[in-house]
C-alpha atoms as a PDB file:
ATOM      1  CA  MET A   1      -1.035  -5.355   8.841  1.00  0.00           C
ATOM      2  CA  TYR A   2       1.264  -5.832   5.890  1.00  0.00           C
ATOM      3  CA  PHE A   3       2.988  -2.831   4.370  1.00  0.00           C
ATOM      4  CA  THR A   4       1.111  -3.518   1.122  1.00  0.00           C
ATOM      5  CA  ASP A   5      -2.205  -3.075   2.925  1.00  0.00           C
ATOM      6  CA  ARG A   6      -1.715   0.697   2.822  1.00  0.00           C
ATOM      7  CA  GLY A   7      -1.421   0.664  -0.959  1.00  0.00           C
ATOM      8  CA  LEU A   8      -4.396  -1.654  -1.295  1.00  0.00           C
ATOM      9  CA  GLU A   9      -6.468   0.563   0.984  1.00  0.00           C
ATOM     10  CA  GLU A  10      -5.494   3.630  -1.056  1.00  0.00           C
ATOM     11  CA  LEU A  11      -6.424   1.811  -4.256  1.00  0.00           C
ATOM     12  CA  ALA A  12      -9.839   0.893  -2.860  1.00  0.00           C
ATOM     13  CA  GLU A  13     -10.453   4.413  -1.567  1.00  0.00           C
ATOM     14  CA  ARG A  14      -9.329   6.251  -4.695  1.00  0.00           C
ATOM     15  CA  ARG A  15     -10.572   3.907  -7.415  1.00  0.00           C
ATOM     16  CA  GLY A  16     -12.994   1.583  -5.663  1.00  0.00           C
ATOM     17  CA  GLU A  17     -16.030   2.761  -7.620  1.00  0.00           C
ATOM     18  CA  GLU A  18     -14.383   2.240 -11.025  1.00  0.00           C
ATOM     19  CA  GLN A  19     -14.767  -0.830 -13.188  1.00  0.00           C
ATOM     20  CA  VAL A  20     -11.849  -2.012 -15.289  1.00  0.00           C
ATOM     21  CA  SER A  21     -11.242  -4.881 -17.672  1.00  0.00           C
ATOM     22  CA  PHE A  22      -8.530  -7.452 -17.255  1.00  0.00           C
ATOM     23  CA  VAL A  23      -7.077  -6.209 -20.537  1.00  0.00           C
ATOM     24  CA  TRP A  24      -6.692  -2.752 -18.962  1.00  0.00           C
ATOM     25  CA  LEU A  25      -5.185  -4.273 -15.812  1.00  0.00           C
ATOM     26  CA  ALA A  26      -2.725  -6.400 -17.806  1.00  0.00           C
ATOM     27  CA  GLU A  27      -1.561  -3.320 -19.713  1.00  0.00           C
ATOM     28  CA  ARG A  28      -1.043  -1.342 -16.485  1.00  0.00           C
ATOM     29  CA  LEU A  29       0.945  -4.266 -15.032  1.00  0.00           C
ATOM     30  CA  ARG A  30       3.097  -4.387 -18.190  1.00  0.00           C
ATOM     31  CA  GLN A  31       3.781  -0.664 -17.857  1.00  0.00           C
ATOM     32  CA  PHE A  32       4.660  -1.119 -14.193  1.00  0.00           C
ATOM     33  CA  VAL A  33       7.127  -3.933 -14.952  1.00  0.00           C
ATOM     34  CA  ASP A  34       8.665  -1.875 -17.765  1.00  0.00           C
ATOM     35  CA  ALA A  35       9.272   0.930 -15.264  1.00  0.00           C
ATOM     36  CA  HIS A  36      10.244  -1.410 -12.388  1.00  0.00           C
ATOM     37  CA  PRO A  37      11.842  -4.568 -13.813  1.00  0.00           C
ATOM     38  CA  ASP A  38      12.796  -5.810 -10.343  1.00  0.00           C
ATOM     39  CA  PHE A  39       9.109  -6.540  -9.771  1.00  0.00           C
ATOM     40  CA  GLU A  40       8.721  -8.806 -12.806  1.00  0.00           C
ATOM     41  CA  VAL A  41       8.496 -12.039 -10.787  1.00  0.00           C
ATOM     42  CA  PRO A  42       5.928 -10.829  -8.215  1.00  0.00           C
ATOM     43  CA  VAL A  43       3.767  -9.269 -10.942  1.00  0.00           C
ATOM     44  CA  GLU A  44       3.958 -12.489 -12.961  1.00  0.00           C
ATOM     45  CA  ARG A  45       2.899 -14.480  -9.890  1.00  0.00           C
ATOM     46  CA  LEU A  46      -0.008 -12.130  -9.214  1.00  0.00           C
ATOM     47  CA  ALA A  47      -1.166 -12.266 -12.836  1.00  0.00           C
ATOM     48  CA  THR A  48      -0.973 -16.062 -12.896  1.00  0.00           C
ATOM     49  CA  TRP A  49      -2.839 -16.299  -9.592  1.00  0.00           C
ATOM     50  CA  LEU A  50      -5.607 -14.013 -10.881  1.00  0.00           C
ATOM     51  CA  ALA A  51      -5.823 -15.936 -14.159  1.00  0.00           C
ATOM     52  CA  ARG A  52      -6.252 -19.249 -12.346  1.00  0.00           C
ATOM     53  CA  LEU A  53      -8.632 -18.256  -9.533  1.00  0.00           C
ATOM     54  CA  ASP A  54     -11.494 -20.324 -10.890  1.00  0.00           C
ATOM     55  CA  ASP A  55      -9.412 -23.434 -11.637  1.00  0.00           C
ATOM     56  CA  ASP A  56     -10.497 -26.491  -9.708  1.00  0.00           C
ATOM     57  CA  ASP A  57      -8.057 -27.550  -7.018  1.00  0.00           C
ATOM     58  CA  GLU A  58      -6.409 -30.792  -7.969  1.00  0.00           C
END
């Protein structure tokens, strides 16, 4: 189990029934990076990965 699994499990337990838009998610990620600039690269990678999930593999 990765350390991040605990946070993901907490997220699913606490907010798993909610529905959010990607606009809302992007704003929360911007706020997180503003508060924690050291995480800019991982957040950028996650956002790019989510944005491109449906792209055809080349």
